[in-house]
Amino acid sequence: MANIKSAKKRILVDRRNAERNKAVKSCVKTAVKKVYAAIEDGNKAEAEAALKNATSIISKAKSKGVFHAKTASRKISRLTLAVNKLD
C-alpha cells in the first residue's frame, strides 16, 4: 500500500482512468460486433450505417487516448474492407 500522498492520489486516478478506458473499449467492441453482425446477415445498408457509427466511436476512443492512432486506423480499415466486400 502506498504511504506517500501523491502515490495514493495516483492510485485513485489510475483506477478512474482504467474504468473509463474499459467503458470506451467495451463500446468499441459492441460497435464492431454490430458491423460484423450486419455483414453476416448480408444487409449492406445496415452494415454501412453500423460502420459509420463504429468509425465515429473508434475515432473518439483514439482522441481520448484509449487507442493508439495506428490501432484505431487498423480497426477502421479492416471494418471498411469487410463492408466493401459485401456486394
Protein backbone atom coordinates (compact mmCIF):
# COMPACT_ATOMS: atom_id res chain seq x y z
CA MET A 1 0.00 0.00 0.00
CA ALA A 2 1.22 3.49 -0.83
CA ASN A 3 2.36 5.72 2.03
CA ILE A 4 3.05 8.92 0.14
CA LYS A 5 0.11 11.24 -0.52
CA SER A 6 0.88 11.65 -4.23
CA ALA A 7 1.14 7.87 -4.65
CA LYS A 8 -2.28 7.41 -3.00
CA LYS A 9 -3.75 10.00 -5.35
CA ARG A 10 -2.08 8.31 -8.33
CA ILE A 11 -3.79 5.03 -7.40
CA LEU A 12 -7.19 6.74 -7.37
CA VAL A 13 -6.55 8.50 -10.68
CA ASP A 14 -5.31 5.28 -12.33
CA ARG A 15 -8.41 3.42 -11.13
CA ARG A 16 -10.71 6.13 -12.51
CA ASN A 17 -8.90 6.19 -15.87
CA ALA A 18 -8.93 2.38 -16.10
CA GLU A 19 -12.71 2.35 -15.60
CA ARG A 20 -13.17 5.00 -18.30
CA ASN A 21 -10.88 3.15 -20.70
CA LYS A 22 -12.71 -0.12 -20.04
CA ALA A 23 -16.07 1.51 -20.80
CA VAL A 24 -14.77 3.04 -24.04
CA LYS A 25 -13.19 -0.24 -25.18
CA SER A 26 -16.42 -2.08 -24.43
CA CYS A 27 -18.37 0.44 -26.51
CA VAL A 28 -15.93 -0.04 -29.41
CA LYS A 29 -16.26 -3.84 -29.22
CA THR A 30 -20.06 -3.58 -29.27
CA ALA A 31 -19.98 -1.29 -32.32
CA VAL A 32 -17.60 -3.63 -34.16
CA LYS A 33 -19.81 -6.63 -33.36
CA LYS A 34 -22.81 -4.78 -34.81
CA VAL A 35 -20.91 -4.21 -38.07
CA TYR A 36 -19.94 -7.88 -38.36
CA ALA A 37 -23.49 -8.97 -37.45
CA ALA A 38 -24.85 -6.86 -40.31
CA ILE A 39 -22.24 -8.36 -42.65
CA GLU A 40 -23.25 -11.88 -41.58
CA ASP A 41 -26.87 -11.05 -42.43
CA GLY A 42 -25.77 -9.72 -45.81
CA ASN A 43 -27.50 -6.40 -45.20
CA LYS A 44 -25.30 -3.81 -46.95
CA ALA A 45 -27.30 -0.73 -45.88
CA GLU A 46 -27.35 -1.76 -42.23
CA ALA A 47 -23.63 -2.64 -42.37
CA GLU A 48 -22.76 0.78 -43.79
CA ALA A 49 -24.79 2.53 -41.08
CA ALA A 50 -23.11 0.42 -38.39
CA LEU A 51 -19.71 1.11 -39.99
CA LYS A 52 -20.28 4.86 -39.84
CA ASN A 53 -21.21 4.60 -36.16
CA ALA A 54 -18.26 2.31 -35.35
CA THR A 55 -15.81 4.60 -37.17
CA SER A 56 -17.03 7.53 -35.10
CA ILE A 57 -16.70 5.62 -31.83
CA ILE A 58 -13.21 4.33 -32.69
CA SER A 59 -12.06 7.83 -33.65
CA LYS A 60 -13.35 9.22 -30.36
CA ALA A 61 -11.50 6.46 -28.48
CA LYS A 62 -8.34 7.44 -30.34
CA SER A 63 -8.75 11.12 -29.47
CA LYS A 64 -9.27 10.24 -25.79
CA GLY A 65 -6.04 8.26 -25.80
CA VAL A 66 -7.65 4.88 -25.22
CA PHE A 67 -6.35 3.53 -28.54
CA HIS A 68 -3.08 4.28 -30.31
CA ALA A 69 -3.62 6.11 -33.59
CA LYS A 70 -2.41 3.18 -35.71
CA THR A 71 -4.58 0.71 -33.79
CA ALA A 72 -7.64 2.84 -34.50
CA SER A 73 -6.69 3.18 -38.17
CA ARG A 74 -6.21 -0.59 -38.47
CA LYS A 75 -9.60 -1.33 -36.90
CA ILE A 76 -11.38 1.17 -39.16
CA SER A 77 -9.56 -0.14 -42.23
CA ARG A 78 -10.46 -3.76 -41.55
CA LEU A 79 -14.10 -2.92 -40.92
CA THR A 80 -14.28 -0.85 -44.10
CA LEU A 81 -12.74 -3.64 -46.17
CA ALA A 82 -15.20 -6.15 -44.75
CA VAL A 83 -18.18 -3.92 -45.59
CA ASN A 84 -16.85 -3.13 -49.08
CA LYS A 85 -16.56 -6.86 -49.87
CA LEU A 86 -20.32 -7.12 -49.33
CA ASP A 87 -21.67 -6.87 -52.87
